[in-house]
N, C-alpha and C. Protein backbone atom coordinates (compact mmCIF):
# COMPACT_ATOMS: atom_id res chain seq x y z
N MET A 1 17.75 53.10 53.42
CA MET A 1 17.46 53.02 52.06
C MET A 1 16.99 54.05 51.27
N PHE A 2 17.07 54.22 49.90
CA PHE A 2 16.64 55.24 49.23
C PHE A 2 16.42 55.04 47.91
N ALA A 3 15.39 55.09 46.95
CA ALA A 3 15.17 54.79 45.91
C ALA A 3 14.81 55.58 44.85
N ARG A 4 15.13 55.45 43.37
CA ARG A 4 14.79 55.98 42.11
C ARG A 4 14.02 55.20 41.50
N VAL A 5 13.11 55.71 41.26
CA VAL A 5 12.25 54.78 40.05
C VAL A 5 11.97 55.65 38.54
N SER A 6 12.68 55.09 37.56
CA SER A 6 12.33 55.78 36.49
C SER A 6 11.22 54.91 35.43
N THR A 7 10.49 55.72 35.09
CA THR A 7 9.33 55.09 34.13
C THR A 7 9.63 55.39 32.73
N TYR A 8 9.80 54.42 31.69
CA TYR A 8 9.76 54.58 29.94
C TYR A 8 8.63 54.10 29.98
N ARG A 9 8.53 54.66 28.25
CA ARG A 9 7.58 54.26 27.44
C ARG A 9 8.59 52.97 26.31
N THR A 10 8.11 52.07 25.80
CA THR A 10 8.74 51.23 24.93
C THR A 10 7.52 51.00 23.74
N GLY A 11 8.28 50.42 22.66
CA GLY A 11 7.33 50.39 21.64
C GLY A 11 8.17 49.03 20.89
N PRO A 12 7.85 48.70 19.35
CA PRO A 12 8.46 47.45 18.96
C PRO A 12 9.67 47.37 18.66
N GLU A 13 10.42 48.91 18.43
CA GLU A 13 11.67 49.09 18.56
C GLU A 13 12.69 48.89 19.45
N THR A 14 12.10 48.75 20.69
CA THR A 14 12.96 48.68 21.94
C THR A 14 13.38 47.40 21.93
N VAL A 15 14.52 47.36 22.45
CA VAL A 15 15.80 46.60 22.48
C VAL A 15 16.35 46.45 24.10
N VAL A 16 16.35 44.96 24.53
CA VAL A 16 16.65 45.56 26.20
C VAL A 16 18.04 44.75 26.12
N ASP A 17 18.68 44.63 25.24
CA ASP A 17 19.76 43.95 25.13
C ASP A 17 21.13 44.53 26.00
N HIS A 18 21.25 45.60 25.99
CA HIS A 18 22.21 46.70 26.71
C HIS A 18 22.32 46.69 28.21
N THR A 19 21.13 45.90 28.83
CA THR A 19 20.84 45.97 30.22
C THR A 19 21.92 45.90 31.30
N GLU A 20 22.91 44.85 30.90
CA GLU A 20 23.95 44.63 31.58
C GLU A 20 24.91 45.89 31.70
N GLU A 21 25.33 46.48 30.69
CA GLU A 21 26.02 47.42 30.66
C GLU A 21 25.82 48.66 31.33
N THR A 22 24.16 48.91 31.33
CA THR A 22 23.81 49.75 32.07
C THR A 22 23.73 49.62 33.67
N VAL A 23 23.42 48.34 33.95
CA VAL A 23 23.74 47.98 35.36
C VAL A 23 24.84 48.44 36.11
N ALA A 24 25.93 47.76 34.87
CA ALA A 24 27.37 47.89 35.35
C ALA A 24 27.83 49.68 35.98
N ARG A 25 26.86 50.44 34.93
CA ARG A 25 27.63 52.11 34.91
C ARG A 25 26.78 52.53 36.32
N VAL A 26 25.33 52.18 36.19
CA VAL A 26 25.03 52.45 37.78
C VAL A 26 25.40 52.30 39.05
N LEU A 27 25.82 50.76 38.94
CA LEU A 27 26.53 50.54 40.14
C LEU A 27 27.59 50.87 40.47
N ALA A 28 28.32 51.52 39.62
CA ALA A 28 29.44 52.14 39.76
C ALA A 28 29.59 53.48 40.33
N ILE A 29 27.98 53.96 40.50
CA ILE A 29 27.89 55.09 40.82
C ILE A 29 28.06 55.01 42.54
N PRO A 30 29.10 55.95 43.06
CA PRO A 30 29.26 55.84 44.60
C PRO A 30 27.60 55.90 45.39
N GLY A 31 27.55 55.16 46.50
CA GLY A 31 26.55 54.89 47.06
C GLY A 31 25.46 54.24 46.78
N CYS A 32 25.74 53.46 45.30
CA CYS A 32 24.44 52.78 45.20
C CYS A 32 24.55 51.15 45.36
N ARG A 33 22.99 50.68 45.90
CA ARG A 33 23.26 49.39 46.34
C ARG A 33 22.58 48.43 45.65
N GLY A 34 21.96 48.72 44.58
CA GLY A 34 21.17 48.07 44.02
C GLY A 34 20.56 48.63 42.55
N VAL A 35 20.12 47.83 41.62
CA VAL A 35 19.22 47.70 40.62
C VAL A 35 18.72 47.12 40.17
N TYR A 36 17.48 47.00 39.62
CA TYR A 36 16.07 46.26 38.98
C TYR A 36 15.87 47.17 37.61
N PHE A 37 15.68 46.27 36.52
CA PHE A 37 15.23 46.87 35.58
C PHE A 37 13.62 46.07 35.15
N LEU A 38 12.56 46.40 34.87
CA LEU A 38 11.45 45.81 34.94
C LEU A 38 10.94 46.05 33.37
N THR A 39 10.56 44.90 32.57
CA THR A 39 9.71 45.38 31.88
C THR A 39 8.26 44.93 31.73
N SER A 40 7.66 45.20 31.55
CA SER A 40 5.95 44.90 31.40
C SER A 40 5.66 43.94 30.60
N LEU A 41 4.54 43.06 30.83
CA LEU A 41 4.08 41.92 30.16
C LEU A 41 3.51 42.03 28.89
N GLU A 42 2.82 43.41 29.14
CA GLU A 42 2.44 44.05 28.01
C GLU A 42 3.30 45.02 27.38
N GLU A 43 3.55 44.96 26.01
CA GLU A 43 4.16 46.18 25.40
C GLU A 43 3.80 47.41 25.78
N GLY A 44 4.79 48.19 26.23
CA GLY A 44 4.80 49.69 26.26
C GLY A 44 4.86 50.37 27.24
N LYS A 45 6.10 49.52 28.27
CA LYS A 45 6.09 50.28 29.66
C LYS A 45 7.40 49.75 30.29
N ALA A 46 8.30 50.04 30.93
CA ALA A 46 9.32 49.57 31.68
C ALA A 46 9.63 50.75 32.88
N LEU A 47 10.39 49.84 33.62
CA LEU A 47 10.69 50.90 35.00
C LEU A 47 12.10 50.22 35.28
N SER A 48 12.86 51.02 35.75
CA SER A 48 14.13 50.81 36.77
C SER A 48 14.05 51.43 37.94
N VAL A 49 14.70 50.47 38.97
CA VAL A 49 14.22 51.00 40.26
C VAL A 49 16.21 50.82 40.84
N THR A 50 16.20 52.20 41.10
CA THR A 50 17.85 51.88 41.69
C THR A 50 17.85 52.27 43.44
N LEU A 51 18.91 51.57 44.14
CA LEU A 51 18.67 51.75 45.41
C LEU A 51 19.75 52.31 46.12
N TRP A 52 19.91 53.13 46.93
CA TRP A 52 21.09 54.33 46.97
C TRP A 52 21.30 53.95 48.75
N GLU A 53 22.43 54.00 49.51
CA GLU A 53 22.79 53.77 51.02
C GLU A 53 21.85 55.34 51.49
N THR A 54 22.14 56.14 51.32
CA THR A 54 21.62 57.59 51.72
C THR A 54 20.95 58.30 51.21
N THR A 55 20.06 59.86 51.51
CA THR A 55 19.83 60.82 50.81
C THR A 55 20.73 61.09 50.27
N TYR A 56 21.76 61.51 50.99
CA TYR A 56 23.22 62.14 50.13
C TYR A 56 23.59 61.54 48.96
N ALA A 57 23.56 60.07 49.51
CA ALA A 57 24.17 59.15 47.97
C ALA A 57 23.15 59.45 47.09
N LEU A 58 21.69 59.17 47.23
CA LEU A 58 20.59 59.84 46.30
C LEU A 58 20.65 60.92 45.40
N ALA A 59 21.22 61.96 46.25
CA ALA A 59 21.12 63.50 45.67
C ALA A 59 22.32 63.47 44.86
N ALA A 60 23.61 62.66 45.33
CA ALA A 60 24.81 63.12 44.57
C ALA A 60 24.54 62.49 43.24
N SER A 61 24.13 61.31 43.30
CA SER A 61 24.08 60.53 42.26
C SER A 61 23.29 61.20 40.87
N ARG A 62 22.48 62.03 41.03
CA ARG A 62 21.16 62.74 40.20
C ARG A 62 21.73 62.61 38.88
N GLU A 63 22.91 63.70 39.07
CA GLU A 63 23.57 64.35 37.39
C GLU A 63 24.30 62.65 36.91
N ALA A 64 24.70 61.88 37.68
CA ALA A 64 25.20 60.47 36.96
C ALA A 64 24.33 59.68 36.50
N ALA A 65 23.49 59.47 37.13
CA ALA A 65 21.95 58.88 36.79
C ALA A 65 21.55 59.31 35.86
N SER A 66 21.53 60.46 35.73
CA SER A 66 20.41 61.20 34.40
C SER A 66 21.23 60.80 33.11
N ALA A 67 22.61 60.96 33.14
CA ALA A 67 23.13 60.80 31.76
C ALA A 67 23.17 59.05 31.58
N VAL A 68 23.36 58.35 32.47
CA VAL A 68 23.06 56.89 32.45
C VAL A 68 21.66 56.51 31.70
N ARG A 69 20.83 57.29 32.38
CA ARG A 69 19.15 56.93 31.64
C ARG A 69 19.23 57.53 30.67
N ALA A 70 19.56 58.80 30.40
CA ALA A 70 19.61 59.47 28.90
C ALA A 70 20.55 58.54 28.00
N ASP A 71 21.33 57.82 28.32
CA ASP A 71 21.94 57.39 27.16
C ASP A 71 21.40 55.84 26.93
N SER A 72 21.11 55.06 28.21
CA SER A 72 20.20 53.90 27.79
C SER A 72 18.98 54.01 27.38
N SER A 73 18.44 55.02 27.64
CA SER A 73 16.75 54.88 26.65
C SER A 73 17.28 54.84 25.48
N ALA A 74 18.02 56.49 24.88
CA ALA A 74 18.49 56.42 23.36
C ALA A 74 18.86 54.97 23.07
N GLU A 75 19.77 54.41 23.40
CA GLU A 75 20.15 52.92 22.92
C GLU A 75 19.34 52.18 22.73
N GLN A 76 18.37 51.96 23.59
CA GLN A 76 17.24 50.75 23.88
C GLN A 76 15.72 51.26 22.93
N ALA A 77 15.86 52.72 22.58
CA ALA A 77 15.16 52.97 21.73
C ALA A 77 13.31 53.42 22.93
N MET A 78 13.54 53.79 23.99
CA MET A 78 12.87 53.87 24.89
C MET A 78 12.46 55.31 25.22
N GLN A 79 11.46 55.92 25.49
CA GLN A 79 11.01 57.21 25.93
C GLN A 79 10.96 57.48 27.60
N ILE A 80 11.99 58.35 27.97
CA ILE A 80 11.85 58.54 29.78
C ILE A 80 10.49 59.34 29.88
N ILE A 81 9.54 58.97 30.91
CA ILE A 81 7.99 59.30 31.04
C ILE A 81 8.24 60.08 32.65
N ASP A 82 9.21 59.62 33.34
CA ASP A 82 9.02 59.84 34.74
C ASP A 82 10.30 59.38 35.63
N VAL A 83 10.68 60.09 36.21
CA VAL A 83 11.74 59.76 37.31
C VAL A 83 11.01 60.51 39.01
N GLU A 84 11.23 59.69 39.71
CA GLU A 84 10.88 59.89 41.32
C GLU A 84 11.65 59.23 42.28
N GLU A 85 11.88 59.82 43.47
CA GLU A 85 12.78 59.18 44.19
C GLU A 85 11.77 59.15 45.52
N PHE A 86 12.09 58.00 46.39
CA PHE A 86 11.50 57.36 47.31
C PHE A 86 12.35 56.80 48.46
N GLU A 87 11.84 56.86 49.88
CA GLU A 87 12.40 56.31 51.26
C GLU A 87 11.94 54.90 51.04
N VAL A 88 12.82 54.09 51.13
CA VAL A 88 12.28 52.48 51.01
C VAL A 88 11.99 52.12 52.45
N ALA A 89 10.74 52.29 52.76
CA ALA A 89 9.83 51.87 54.24
C ALA A 89 10.33 50.51 54.54
N ASN A 90 10.07 49.46 53.56
CA ASN A 90 10.28 48.08 53.91
C ASN A 90 10.84 47.47 53.09
N SER A 91 11.57 46.11 53.03
CA SER A 91 12.21 45.16 52.41
C SER A 91 12.06 44.29 52.51
N GLY A 92 12.26 43.15 51.55
CA GLY A 92 12.60 41.73 52.00
C GLY A 92 12.41 40.90 50.74
N LEU A 93 13.51 39.90 50.47
CA LEU A 93 13.47 38.77 49.48
C LEU A 93 13.40 37.57 50.20
N ALA A 94 12.81 36.38 49.56
CA ALA A 94 12.62 35.41 49.99
C ALA A 94 13.97 34.51 49.39
N GLY A 95 14.41 33.84 50.50
CA GLY A 95 15.49 32.98 49.89
C GLY A 95 15.41 31.93 49.25
C-alpha cells in the first residue's frame, strides 16, 4: 500500500464542513483504499492522508487528486504547504 500526505496551513477562516464531499471524491478515484483528514489540536495545520493499492494507482491518481486538493483547500480556506508520497511500511487499527 502507498500513501500521499498533504500538509495544509489553516486559519481562523478555515471551515472543515465540506470534508464528506471531498472524501467521496477521493474515494471515487480508482485504486484509492482510504482517506484520513486530520486537524491540529492547535490552530494552524491540517493533514490529509490518502491510501493507494499500488504505486501505479498512486501515480495515476496524481492529476485527479491534485484537482480535488485544490478545490477543497480553496473551499475550506486552507493553503497547501506540501504534498509527499510514501510506501506504507506497516499498519494496524485496534478493533
